[in-house]
Protein backbone atom coordinates (compact mmCIF):
# COMPACT_ATOMS: atom_id res chain seq x y z
CA MET A 1 103.20 72.17 125.92
CA VAL A 2 103.39 69.04 128.09
CA LEU A 3 100.45 67.82 126.89
CA ARG A 4 101.53 67.92 123.31
CA ARG A 5 104.67 66.23 124.14
CA LEU A 6 102.99 63.54 125.89
CA LEU A 7 100.34 62.90 123.00
CA ALA A 8 103.19 62.81 120.89
CA VAL A 9 105.05 60.00 122.94
CA LEU A 10 101.89 58.05 122.99
CA LEU A 11 100.88 58.49 119.60
CA HIS A 12 104.56 56.92 118.37
CA SER A 13 103.83 53.72 120.61
CA PRO A 14 103.21 51.12 118.25
CA GLN A 15 101.41 48.86 121.14
CA LEU A 16 99.01 51.91 121.72
CA VAL A 17 98.37 52.56 118.17
CA GLU A 18 97.65 48.85 118.10
CA ARG A 19 95.27 48.86 120.88
CA LEU A 20 93.67 52.04 119.85
CA SER A 21 93.11 50.70 116.42
CA GLU A 22 91.33 47.76 117.97
CA SER A 23 89.12 49.73 119.96
CA ARG A 24 85.17 50.09 118.84
CA PRO A 25 85.06 54.37 118.66
CA ILE A 26 88.26 54.29 116.42
CA ARG A 27 86.89 51.32 114.02
CA ARG A 28 83.48 53.21 113.69
CA ALA A 29 85.38 56.49 112.91
CA ALA A 30 87.25 54.76 110.36
CA GLN A 31 84.20 53.21 108.88
CA LEU A 32 82.66 56.64 108.58
CA THR A 33 85.65 58.31 106.95
CA ALA A 34 86.00 55.38 104.60
CA PHE A 35 81.86 56.04 103.76
CA ALA A 36 82.34 59.78 103.57
CA LEU A 37 85.37 59.18 101.28
CA LEU A 38 83.56 56.67 99.00
CA GLN A 39 80.48 58.73 98.62
CA ALA A 40 82.59 62.23 97.54
CA GLN A 41 84.12 59.72 95.19
CA LEU A 42 80.87 58.85 93.68
CA ARG A 43 79.25 62.17 93.67
CA GLY A 44 82.53 63.53 91.69
CA GLN A 45 82.00 60.63 89.28
CA ASP A 46 78.36 61.52 88.62
CA ALA A 47 79.18 65.52 88.47
CA ALA A 48 81.90 64.49 85.97
CA ARG A 49 79.72 62.36 83.97
CA ARG A 50 76.81 65.01 83.85
CA LEU A 51 79.32 67.51 82.89
CA ARG A 52 80.81 65.31 80.10
CA GLY A 53 77.01 65.05 78.85
CA ILE A 54 76.50 68.66 78.86
CA ALA A 55 79.57 69.23 76.79
CA ALA A 56 78.54 66.52 74.04
CA ARG A 57 75.47 68.31 73.31
CA PRO A 58 75.28 70.46 70.18
CA ALA A 59 77.17 73.39 70.15
CA GLY A 60 73.98 75.35 68.89
CA SER A 61 72.12 74.88 72.29
CA LEU A 62 75.03 76.23 74.32
CA GLY A 63 75.24 78.97 71.68
CA ARG A 64 71.85 79.90 71.95
CA ARG A 65 71.67 80.11 75.66
CA ALA A 66 74.74 81.97 75.96
CA ALA A 67 73.24 84.66 73.50
CA ARG A 68 70.02 84.78 75.56
CA PHE A 69 72.02 85.47 78.78
CA ARG A 70 73.91 88.25 76.79
CA ASP A 71 71.01 89.62 75.50
CA THR A 72 69.32 89.49 78.76
CA PHE A 73 72.38 90.98 80.66
CA THR A 74 72.70 93.87 78.30
CA GLU A 75 68.85 94.62 78.57
CA GLU A 76 68.82 94.71 82.43
CA LEU A 77 72.33 96.75 82.35
CA ARG A 78 70.48 99.51 80.11
CA ARG A 79 67.59 99.26 82.17
CA GLY A 80 69.48 100.10 85.24
CA LEU A 81 71.23 103.18 84.01
CA ARG A 82 68.20 104.63 82.49
CA GLU A 83 66.33 104.10 86.06
CA ARG A 84 69.83 105.53 87.79
CA PRO A 85 69.74 109.03 89.31
CA GLY A 86 72.38 111.68 88.05
CA PRO A 87 74.13 112.24 84.54
CA PRO A 88 75.00 109.06 82.66
CA PRO A 89 78.64 108.15 83.15
CA GLY A 90 81.19 109.73 80.59
CA SER A 91 79.09 113.07 80.33
CA GLN A 92 81.80 114.63 82.52
CA ARG A 93 84.47 116.82 80.94
CA GLY A 94 87.82 115.77 82.18
CA PRO A 95 89.27 114.91 85.59
CA GLY A 96 87.84 116.80 88.17
CA ALA A 97 84.76 118.16 86.19
CA ASN A 98 82.23 117.83 88.94
CA HIS A 99 84.29 119.55 91.71
């Protein structure tokens, strides 16, 4: 609590903030922060550009991929249900039929 209060008082001192901003570690931290932000911005722009490129492709190619995914998913689901032990789902008659 005392340490927090002391830090708050020190950080509200314009002279101290000015001296800290001129120190080598703080300048380096600011450089690294600016670099990281710029890199994140550039990567975001690149990702957005690639997404726009995918969206600009003919709808048929995306439709074919979606259909292939649907077919594969359905086939895997059916295979999993066939290989599953026990009665198929929905074969019970009413609530609590297996009790």
